[in-house]
């Protein structure tokens, strides 16, 4: 592997590890709450904020507009979903799905007359993880570290309404780094992989699934000139499925062994 390729892959891999650091924890909480579409909805509304910056040159010239505008949209969306959770709990998942679709449609309408709209939409959905620079990781490192410390010190923060605020902040930065599809995959696939496990170290297994998925995806992308985001999503899914199958086989073998011992 030549030096030039390594300088591209290392920041991309660091971005993947950084995204996984928070998304594995949040993904487990998303499954627990039964709100699978919340990540897609918040990611889509954050992307909508990024599109507004792209379309309005006056806003684009403001300092850090590419960060605070998507964050503003995401926080507004998270606040709305928190309100839905309080007042429409029985229909929450359906309402979040509708919110996602409406956000996606709004993005398409917003970019319909933009000659570069299709390219921007593709970039925000699939991401450009291979073009992430070390400098882009500085803000996410600071924010993610603070949030992880908060969760470690006060884990119950994820059980209340503050979850939506933390979720919006994390998703906003992650969309900027890896795109909407990888945000969803990094949240849900490792969490699904360990969903049937119990014990102290289940999060470690989830991190392992995510780690392997990103390594394989980046390797295949670099080796065969594949779209990096799509390749990583595919390898994350494959890794999660294989983990579930192996875990299921081990559980069956253990149960058979216990049954034969009892007899």
C-alpha atoms as a PDB file:
ATOM      1  CA  UNK A   1       0.000   0.000   0.000  1.00  0.00           C
ATOM      2  CA  UNK A   2       1.613   3.287  -1.082  1.00  0.00           C
ATOM      3  CA  UNK A   3       2.011   6.335   1.154  1.00  0.00           C
ATOM      4  CA  UNK A   4      -0.489   8.504  -0.762  1.00  0.00           C
ATOM      5  CA  UNK A   5      -3.264   5.934  -0.372  1.00  0.00           C
ATOM      6  CA  UNK A   6      -2.435   5.558   3.306  1.00  0.00           C
ATOM      7  CA  UNK A   7      -2.788   9.305   3.874  1.00  0.00           C
ATOM      8  CA  UNK A   8      -6.340   9.025   2.503  1.00  0.00           C
ATOM      9  CA  UNK A   9      -7.365   5.841   4.332  1.00  0.00           C
ATOM     10  CA  UNK A  10      -6.079   6.737   7.803  1.00  0.00           C
ATOM     11  CA  UNK A  11      -8.251   9.872   8.282  1.00  0.00           C
ATOM     12  CA  UNK A  12     -11.215   7.969   6.805  1.00  0.00           C
ATOM     13  CA  UNK A  13     -10.693   5.097   9.222  1.00  0.00           C
ATOM     14  CA  UNK A  14     -10.291   7.544  12.120  1.00  0.00           C
ATOM     15  CA  UNK A  15     -13.596   9.159  11.110  1.00  0.00           C
ATOM     16  CA  UNK A  16     -15.261   5.734  11.124  1.00  0.00           C
ATOM     17  CA  UNK A  17     -13.920   4.879  14.583  1.00  0.00           C
ATOM     18  CA  UNK A  18     -15.000   8.302  15.824  1.00  0.00           C
ATOM     19  CA  UNK A  19     -18.530   7.824  14.496  1.00  0.00           C
ATOM     20  CA  UNK A  20     -18.741   4.334  16.007  1.00  0.00           C
ATOM     21  CA  UNK A  21     -17.588   5.628  19.408  1.00  0.00           C
ATOM     22  CA  UNK A  22     -20.946   7.312  19.990  1.00  0.00           C
ATOM     23  CA  UNK A  23     -23.236   5.565  17.525  1.00  0.00           C
ATOM     24  CA  UNK A  24     -22.911   2.109  19.081  1.00  0.00           C
ATOM     25  CA  UNK A  25     -24.131   3.464  22.426  1.00  0.00           C
ATOM     26  CA  UNK A  26     -26.926   5.495  20.840  1.00  0.00           C
ATOM     27  CA  UNK A  27     -27.938   2.641  18.543  1.00  0.00           C
ATOM     28  CA  UNK A  28     -28.541   0.366  21.513  1.00  0.00           C
ATOM     29  CA  UNK A  29     -30.767   3.065  23.017  1.00  0.00           C
ATOM     30  CA  UNK A  30     -32.632   3.533  19.723  1.00  0.00           C
ATOM     31  CA  UNK A  31     -33.484  -0.179  19.611  1.00  0.00           C
ATOM     32  CA  UNK A  32     -34.503  -0.091  23.271  1.00  0.00           C
ATOM     33  CA  UNK A  33     -36.894   2.797  22.607  1.00  0.00           C
ATOM     34  CA  UNK A  34     -38.200   1.212  19.396  1.00  0.00           C
ATOM     35  CA  UNK A  35     -37.624   4.361  17.317  1.00  0.00           C
ATOM     36  CA  UNK A  36     -35.549   2.939  14.465  1.00  0.00           C
ATOM     37  CA  UNK A  37     -36.239   5.745  12.015  1.00  0.00           C
ATOM     38  CA  UNK A  38     -35.140   8.549  14.332  1.00  0.00           C
ATOM     39  CA  UNK A  39     -31.571   8.483  13.042  1.00  0.00           C
ATOM     40  CA  UNK A  40     -32.680   8.704   9.431  1.00  0.00           C
ATOM     41  CA  UNK A  41     -35.099  11.506  10.262  1.00  0.00           C
ATOM     42  CA  UNK A  42     -32.596  13.584  12.247  1.00  0.00           C
ATOM     43  CA  UNK A  43     -29.825  12.927   9.716  1.00  0.00           C
ATOM     44  CA  UNK A  44     -32.121  13.973   6.877  1.00  0.00           C
ATOM     45  CA  UNK A  45     -33.190  17.178   8.608  1.00  0.00           C
ATOM     46  CA  UNK A  46     -29.527  18.000   9.364  1.00  0.00           C
ATOM     47  CA  UNK A  47     -28.755  17.434   5.683  1.00  0.00           C
ATOM     48  CA  UNK A  48     -31.605  19.793   4.853  1.00  0.00           C
ATOM     49  CA  UNK A  49     -29.880  22.460   6.935  1.00  0.00           C
ATOM     50  CA  UNK A  50     -26.665  21.872   4.977  1.00  0.00           C
ATOM     51  CA  UNK A  51     -28.598  22.332   1.742  1.00  0.00           C
ATOM     52  CA  UNK A  52     -29.945  25.687   2.958  1.00  0.00           C
ATOM     53  CA  UNK A  53     -26.350  26.819   3.490  1.00  0.00           C
ATOM     54  CA  UNK A  54     -25.494  25.659  -0.011  1.00  0.00           C
ATOM     55  CA  UNK A  55     -28.440  27.496  -1.552  1.00  0.00           C
ATOM     56  CA  UNK A  56     -28.111  30.792   0.355  1.00  0.00           C
ATOM     57  CA  UNK A  57     -24.761  32.478  -0.264  1.00  0.00           C
ATOM     58  CA  UNK A  58     -25.372  35.073   2.477  1.00  0.00           C
ATOM     59  CA  UNK A  59     -25.695  32.310   5.064  1.00  0.00           C
ATOM     60  CA  UNK A  60     -22.759  30.402   3.561  1.00  0.00           C
ATOM     61  CA  UNK A  61     -20.483  33.384   4.206  1.00  0.00           C
ATOM     62  CA  UNK A  62     -21.241  33.354   7.945  1.00  0.00           C
ATOM     63  CA  UNK A  63     -18.613  31.752  10.179  1.00  0.00           C
ATOM     64  CA  UNK A  64     -19.076  27.986  10.634  1.00  0.00           C
ATOM     65  CA  UNK A  65     -22.465  28.094   8.912  1.00  0.00           C
ATOM     66  CA  UNK A  66     -21.880  24.545   7.610  1.00  0.00           C
ATOM     67  CA  UNK A  67     -21.890  23.398  11.252  1.00  0.00           C
ATOM     68  CA  UNK A  68     -24.416  25.508  13.139  1.00  0.00           C
ATOM     69  CA  UNK A  69     -27.111  25.607  10.457  1.00  0.00           C
ATOM     70  CA  UNK A  70     -27.436  21.797  10.161  1.00  0.00           C
ATOM     71  CA  UNK A  71     -27.202  21.638  13.973  1.00  0.00           C
ATOM     72  CA  UNK A  72     -30.045  24.147  14.285  1.00  0.00           C
ATOM     73  CA  UNK A  73     -32.201  22.082  11.927  1.00  0.00           C
ATOM     74  CA  UNK A  74     -31.314  18.845  13.717  1.00  0.00           C
ATOM     75  CA  UNK A  75     -32.051  20.285  17.164  1.00  0.00           C
ATOM     76  CA  UNK A  76     -35.408  21.586  15.930  1.00  0.00           C
ATOM     77  CA  UNK A  77     -36.213  18.170  14.498  1.00  0.00           C
ATOM     78  CA  UNK A  78     -35.134  16.443  17.711  1.00  0.00           C
ATOM     79  CA  UNK A  79     -37.303  18.835  19.734  1.00  0.00           C
ATOM     80  CA  UNK A  80     -40.285  18.027  17.535  1.00  0.00           C
ATOM     81  CA  UNK A  81     -39.695  14.277  17.924  1.00  0.00           C
ATOM     82  CA  UNK A  82     -39.366  14.710  21.699  1.00  0.00           C
ATOM     83  CA  UNK A  83     -42.764  16.463  21.643  1.00  0.00           C
ATOM     84  CA  UNK A  84     -44.195  13.601  19.582  1.00  0.00           C
ATOM     85  CA  UNK A  85     -42.791  11.088  22.079  1.00  0.00           C
ATOM     86  CA  UNK A  86     -44.678  12.847  24.858  1.00  0.00           C
ATOM     87  CA  UNK A  87     -47.982  13.441  23.100  1.00  0.00           C
ATOM     88  CA  UNK A  88     -48.217  10.711  20.426  1.00  0.00           C
ATOM     89  CA  UNK A  89     -46.231   7.832  21.929  1.00  0.00           C
ATOM     90  CA  UNK A  90     -48.386   5.078  20.421  1.00  0.00           C
ATOM     91  CA  UNK A  91     -47.837   6.401  16.891  1.00  0.00           C
ATOM     92  CA  UNK A  92     -44.282   7.669  17.389  1.00  0.00           C
ATOM     93  CA  UNK A  93     -42.474   5.369  14.951  1.00  0.00           C
ATOM     94  CA  UNK A  94     -44.996   6.052  12.189  1.00  0.00           C
ATOM     95  CA  UNK A  95     -44.789   9.801  12.800  1.00  0.00           C
ATOM     96  CA  UNK A  96     -40.979   9.720  12.702  1.00  0.00           C
ATOM     97  CA  UNK A  97     -41.144   7.826   9.404  1.00  0.00           C
ATOM     98  CA  UNK A  98     -43.462  10.486   7.976  1.00  0.00           C
ATOM     99  CA  UNK A  99     -41.128  13.198   9.278  1.00  0.00           C
ATOM    100  CA  UNK A 100     -38.213  11.547   7.469  1.00  0.00           C
ATOM    101  CA  UNK A 101     -40.122  11.285   4.184  1.00  0.00           C
ATOM    102  CA  UNK A 102     -41.261  14.913   4.350  1.00  0.00           C
ATOM    103  CA  UNK A 103     -37.683  16.043   5.057  1.00  0.00           C
ATOM    104  CA  UNK A 104     -36.412  14.030   2.095  1.00  0.00           C
ATOM    105  CA  UNK A 105     -39.093  15.488  -0.185  1.00  0.00           C
ATOM    106  CA  UNK A 106     -38.296  19.010   1.035  1.00  0.00           C
ATOM    107  CA  UNK A 107     -34.638  18.418   0.149  1.00  0.00           C
ATOM    108  CA  UNK A 108     -35.536  17.254  -3.362  1.00  0.00           C
ATOM    109  CA  UNK A 109     -37.780  20.267  -3.927  1.00  0.00           C
ATOM    110  CA  UNK A 110     -35.145  22.641  -2.555  1.00  0.00           C
ATOM    111  CA  UNK A 111     -32.505  21.325  -4.948  1.00  0.00           C
ATOM    112  CA  UNK A 112     -34.776  20.758  -7.948  1.00  0.00           C
ATOM    113  CA  UNK A 113     -33.565  23.860  -9.815  1.00  0.00           C
ATOM    114  CA  UNK A 114     -29.950  23.698  -8.684  1.00  0.00           C
ATOM    115  CA  UNK A 115     -27.600  22.442 -11.448  1.00  0.00           C
ATOM    116  CA  UNK A 116     -25.368  20.890  -8.786  1.00  0.00           C
ATOM    117  CA  UNK A 117     -28.270  19.661  -6.662  1.00  0.00           C
ATOM    118  CA  UNK A 118     -27.993  15.992  -7.598  1.00  0.00           C
ATOM    119  CA  UNK A 119     -24.303  15.907  -6.720  1.00  0.00           C
ATOM    120  CA  UNK A 120     -24.883  17.630  -3.367  1.00  0.00           C
ATOM    121  CA  UNK A 121     -27.729  15.248  -2.533  1.00  0.00           C
ATOM    122  CA  UNK A 122     -25.537  12.252  -3.383  1.00  0.00           C
ATOM    123  CA  UNK A 123     -22.714  13.654  -1.256  1.00  0.00           C
ATOM    124  CA  UNK A 124     -24.951  14.176   1.777  1.00  0.00           C
ATOM    125  CA  UNK A 125     -26.596  10.761   1.458  1.00  0.00           C
ATOM    126  CA  UNK A 126     -23.579   8.579   0.628  1.00  0.00           C
ATOM    127  CA  UNK A 127     -20.953  10.802   2.215  1.00  0.00           C
ATOM    128  CA  UNK A 128     -17.350  11.331   1.195  1.00  0.00           C
ATOM    129  CA  UNK A 129     -15.507   9.571   3.959  1.00  0.00           C
ATOM    130  CA  UNK A 130     -12.392   9.077   1.824  1.00  0.00           C
ATOM    131  CA  UNK A 131     -11.962  12.843   1.590  1.00  0.00           C
ATOM    132  CA  UNK A 132     -12.177  13.521   5.310  1.00  0.00           C
ATOM    133  CA  UNK A 133      -9.195  15.493   6.615  1.00  0.00           C
ATOM    134  CA  UNK A 134      -7.612  15.389  10.060  1.00  0.00           C
ATOM    135  CA  UNK A 135      -8.745  18.972  10.630  1.00  0.00           C
ATOM    136  CA  UNK A 136     -12.397  17.996  10.098  1.00  0.00           C
ATOM    137  CA  UNK A 137     -12.127  15.540  12.989  1.00  0.00           C
ATOM    138  CA  UNK A 138     -11.174  18.125  15.614  1.00  0.00           C
ATOM    139  CA  UNK A 139     -14.686  19.396  16.414  1.00  0.00           C
ATOM    140  CA  UNK A 140     -16.299  15.918  16.430  1.00  0.00           C
ATOM    141  CA  UNK A 141     -13.525  14.634  18.720  1.00  0.00           C
ATOM    142  CA  UNK A 142     -14.219  17.438  21.217  1.00  0.00           C
ATOM    143  CA  UNK A 143     -18.024  17.080  21.119  1.00  0.00           C
ATOM    144  CA  UNK A 144     -18.102  13.259  21.090  1.00  0.00           C
ATOM    145  CA  UNK A 145     -15.582  13.061  23.947  1.00  0.00           C
ATOM    146  CA  UNK A 146     -17.662  15.416  26.098  1.00  0.00           C
ATOM    147  CA  UNK A 147     -20.846  13.461  25.375  1.00  0.00           C
ATOM    148  CA  UNK A 148     -19.202  10.073  26.070  1.00  0.00           C
ATOM    149  CA  UNK A 149     -17.875  11.373  29.386  1.00  0.00           C
ATOM    150  CA  UNK A 150     -21.363  12.645  30.246  1.00  0.00           C
ATOM    151  CA  UNK A 151     -22.914   9.260  29.405  1.00  0.00           C
ATOM    152  CA  UNK A 152     -20.255   7.437  31.438  1.00  0.00           C
ATOM    153  CA  UNK A 153     -20.712   9.684  34.474  1.00  0.00           C
ATOM    154  CA  UNK A 154     -24.503   9.882  34.188  1.00  0.00           C
ATOM    155  CA  UNK A 155     -25.784   6.945  32.055  1.00  0.00           C
ATOM    156  CA  UNK A 156     -29.430   7.713  32.882  1.00  0.00           C
ATOM    157  CA  UNK A 157     -29.147  10.844  30.709  1.00  0.00           C
ATOM    158  CA  UNK A 158     -30.009   8.575  27.774  1.00  0.00           C
ATOM    159  CA  UNK A 159     -33.336   7.605  29.334  1.00  0.00           C
ATOM    160  CA  UNK A 160     -34.794  11.110  29.439  1.00  0.00           C
ATOM    161  CA  UNK A 161     -35.576  13.898  27.012  1.00  0.00           C
ATOM    162  CA  UNK A 162     -31.877  14.911  26.956  1.00  0.00           C
ATOM    163  CA  UNK A 163     -31.328  11.880  24.717  1.00  0.00           C
ATOM    164  CA  UNK A 164     -32.872  13.776  21.795  1.00  0.00           C
ATOM    165  CA  UNK A 165     -30.581  16.769  22.303  1.00  0.00           C
ATOM    166  CA  UNK A 166     -27.433  14.618  22.449  1.00  0.00           C
ATOM    167  CA  UNK A 167     -28.660  12.581  19.498  1.00  0.00           C
ATOM    168  CA  UNK A 168     -29.172  15.680  17.345  1.00  0.00           C
ATOM    169  CA  UNK A 169     -25.700  17.057  18.114  1.00  0.00           C
ATOM    170  CA  UNK A 170     -23.991  13.768  17.326  1.00  0.00           C
ATOM    171  CA  UNK A 171     -25.959  13.095  14.147  1.00  0.00           C
ATOM    172  CA  UNK A 172     -25.271  16.604  12.814  1.00  0.00           C
ATOM    173  CA  UNK A 173     -21.506  16.120  13.022  1.00  0.00           C
ATOM    174  CA  UNK A 174     -21.675  12.543  11.737  1.00  0.00           C
ATOM    175  CA  UNK A 175     -23.632  13.467   8.615  1.00  0.00           C
ATOM    176  CA  UNK A 176     -20.931  16.014   7.780  1.00  0.00           C
ATOM    177  CA  UNK A 177     -18.279  13.294   8.098  1.00  0.00           C
ATOM    178  CA  UNK A 178     -19.801  10.150   6.600  1.00  0.00           C
ATOM    179  CA  UNK A 179     -23.259  10.904   5.133  1.00  0.00           C
ATOM    180  CA  UNK A 180     -26.794   9.824   6.000  1.00  0.00           C
ATOM    181  CA  UNK A 181     -26.520   6.161   4.936  1.00  0.00           C
ATOM    182  CA  UNK A 182     -23.446   5.472   7.050  1.00  0.00           C
ATOM    183  CA  UNK A 183     -24.955   7.330   9.998  1.00  0.00           C
ATOM    184  CA  UNK A 184     -27.940   4.975   9.926  1.00  0.00           C
ATOM    185  CA  UNK A 185     -25.796   1.872   9.378  1.00  0.00           C
ATOM    186  CA  UNK A 186     -23.335   2.751  12.141  1.00  0.00           C
ATOM    187  CA  UNK A 187     -26.200   3.226  14.579  1.00  0.00           C
ATOM    188  CA  UNK A 188     -28.393   0.259  13.755  1.00  0.00           C
ATOM    189  CA  UNK A 189     -26.239  -2.587  12.381  1.00  0.00           C
ATOM    190  CA  UNK A 190     -23.791  -3.024  15.304  1.00  0.00           C
ATOM    191  CA  UNK A 191     -26.705  -2.605  17.723  1.00  0.00           C
ATOM    192  CA  UNK A 192     -28.700  -5.282  15.874  1.00  0.00           C
ATOM    193  CA  UNK A 193     -25.699  -7.598  15.875  1.00  0.00           C
ATOM    194  CA  UNK A 194     -25.626  -7.709  19.690  1.00  0.00           C
ATOM    195  CA  UNK A 195     -29.358  -7.240  20.283  1.00  0.00           C
ATOM    196  CA  UNK A 196     -29.859 -10.798  21.568  1.00  0.00           C
ATOM    197  CA  UNK A 197     -26.748 -10.822  23.741  1.00  0.00           C
ATOM    198  CA  UNK A 198     -26.676 -10.293  27.485  1.00  0.00           C
ATOM    199  CA  UNK A 199     -23.781  -9.489  29.761  1.00  0.00           C
ATOM    200  CA  UNK A 200     -21.253  -6.842  30.668  1.00  0.00           C
ATOM    201  CA  UNK A 201     -19.271  -6.767  27.446  1.00  0.00           C
ATOM    202  CA  UNK A 202     -21.947  -6.660  24.763  1.00  0.00           C
ATOM    203  CA  UNK A 203     -20.975  -3.118  23.712  1.00  0.00           C
ATOM    204  CA  UNK A 204     -17.423  -4.358  23.100  1.00  0.00           C
ATOM    205  CA  UNK A 205     -18.806  -6.914  20.641  1.00  0.00           C
ATOM    206  CA  UNK A 206     -20.814  -4.184  18.904  1.00  0.00           C
ATOM    207  CA  UNK A 207     -17.708  -2.025  18.578  1.00  0.00           C
ATOM    208  CA  UNK A 208     -15.906  -5.045  17.157  1.00  0.00           C
ATOM    209  CA  UNK A 209     -18.605  -5.562  14.514  1.00  0.00           C
ATOM    210  CA  UNK A 210     -18.439  -1.886  13.540  1.00  0.00           C
ATOM    211  CA  UNK A 211     -14.635  -1.873  13.499  1.00  0.00           C
ATOM    212  CA  UNK A 212     -14.427  -4.912  11.195  1.00  0.00           C
ATOM    213  CA  UNK A 213     -17.146  -3.493   8.939  1.00  0.00           C
ATOM    214  CA  UNK A 214     -15.302  -0.208   8.442  1.00  0.00           C
ATOM    215  CA  UNK A 215     -11.913  -1.892   7.891  1.00  0.00           C
ATOM    216  CA  UNK A 216     -13.318  -4.289   5.280  1.00  0.00           C
ATOM    217  CA  UNK A 217     -15.355  -1.567   3.580  1.00  0.00           C
ATOM    218  CA  UNK A 218     -12.423   0.823   3.259  1.00  0.00           C
ATOM    219  CA  UNK A 219     -10.177  -2.010   2.047  1.00  0.00           C
ATOM    220  CA  UNK A 220     -12.659  -3.082  -0.652  1.00  0.00           C
ATOM    221  CA  UNK A 221     -13.280   0.526  -1.648  1.00  0.00           C
ATOM    222  CA  UNK A 222      -9.563   1.210  -2.065  1.00  0.00           C
ATOM    223  CA  UNK A 223      -8.805  -2.126  -3.748  1.00  0.00           C
ATOM    224  CA  UNK A 224     -11.635  -2.205  -6.277  1.00  0.00           C
ATOM    225  CA  UNK A 225     -12.389   1.521  -6.674  1.00  0.00           C
ATOM    226  CA  UNK A 226     -15.865   1.161  -5.161  1.00  0.00           C
ATOM    227  CA  UNK A 227     -17.953   3.971  -3.611  1.00  0.00           C
ATOM    228  CA  UNK A 228     -16.634   4.071  -0.056  1.00  0.00           C
ATOM    229  CA  UNK A 229     -19.936   4.773   1.715  1.00  0.00           C
ATOM    230  CA  UNK A 230     -21.794   1.980  -0.097  1.00  0.00           C
ATOM    231  CA  UNK A 231     -18.927  -0.476   0.432  1.00  0.00           C
ATOM    232  CA  UNK A 232     -18.821   0.186   4.181  1.00  0.00           C
ATOM    233  CA  UNK A 233     -22.602  -0.103   4.549  1.00  0.00           C
ATOM    234  CA  UNK A 234     -22.455  -3.486   2.759  1.00  0.00           C
ATOM    235  CA  UNK A 235     -19.589  -4.803   4.903  1.00  0.00           C
ATOM    236  CA  UNK A 236     -21.215  -3.550   8.114  1.00  0.00           C
ATOM    237  CA  UNK A 237     -24.378  -5.426   7.175  1.00  0.00           C
ATOM    238  CA  UNK A 238     -22.430  -8.581   6.262  1.00  0.00           C
ATOM    239  CA  UNK A 239     -20.411  -8.459   9.480  1.00  0.00           C
ATOM    240  CA  UNK A 240     -23.555  -7.992  11.575  1.00  0.00           C
ATOM    241  CA  UNK A 241     -25.308 -10.932   9.853  1.00  0.00           C
ATOM    242  CA  UNK A 242     -22.306 -13.240  10.265  1.00  0.00           C
ATOM    243  CA  UNK A 243     -22.002 -12.285  13.930  1.00  0.00           C
ATOM    244  CA  UNK A 244     -25.685 -13.027  14.528  1.00  0.00           C
ATOM    245  CA  UNK A 245     -25.390 -16.414  12.786  1.00  0.00           C
ATOM    246  CA  UNK A 246     -22.275 -17.437  14.739  1.00  0.00           C
ATOM    247  CA  UNK A 247     -23.806 -16.284  18.011  1.00  0.00           C
ATOM    248  CA  UNK A 248     -27.008 -18.196  17.298  1.00  0.00           C
ATOM    249  CA  UNK A 249     -25.020 -21.367  16.538  1.00  0.00           C
ATOM    250  CA  UNK A 250     -23.021 -21.018  19.773  1.00  0.00           C
ATOM    251  CA  UNK A 251     -26.192 -20.549  21.820  1.00  0.00           C
ATOM    252  CA  UNK A 252     -27.779 -23.657  20.254  1.00  0.00           C
ATOM    253  CA  UNK A 253     -24.631 -25.684  20.923  1.00  0.00           C
ATOM    254  CA  UNK A 254     -24.545 -24.488  24.518  1.00  0.00           C
ATOM    255  CA  UNK A 255     -28.218 -25.382  25.020  1.00  0.00           C
ATOM    256  CA  UNK A 256     -27.657 -28.860  23.542  1.00  0.00           C
ATOM    257  CA  UNK A 257     -24.695 -29.378  25.835  1.00  0.00           C
ATOM    258  CA  UNK A 258     -26.698 -28.303  28.903  1.00  0.00           C
ATOM    259  CA  UNK A 259     -29.589 -30.570  27.867  1.00  0.00           C
ATOM    260  CA  UNK A 260     -27.323 -33.602  27.440  1.00  0.00           C
ATOM    261  CA  UNK A 261     -25.647 -32.876  30.791  1.00  0.00           C
ATOM    262  CA  UNK A 262     -28.993 -32.733  32.583  1.00  0.00           C
ATOM    263  CA  UNK A 263     -29.953 -36.076  31.104  1.00  0.00           C
END
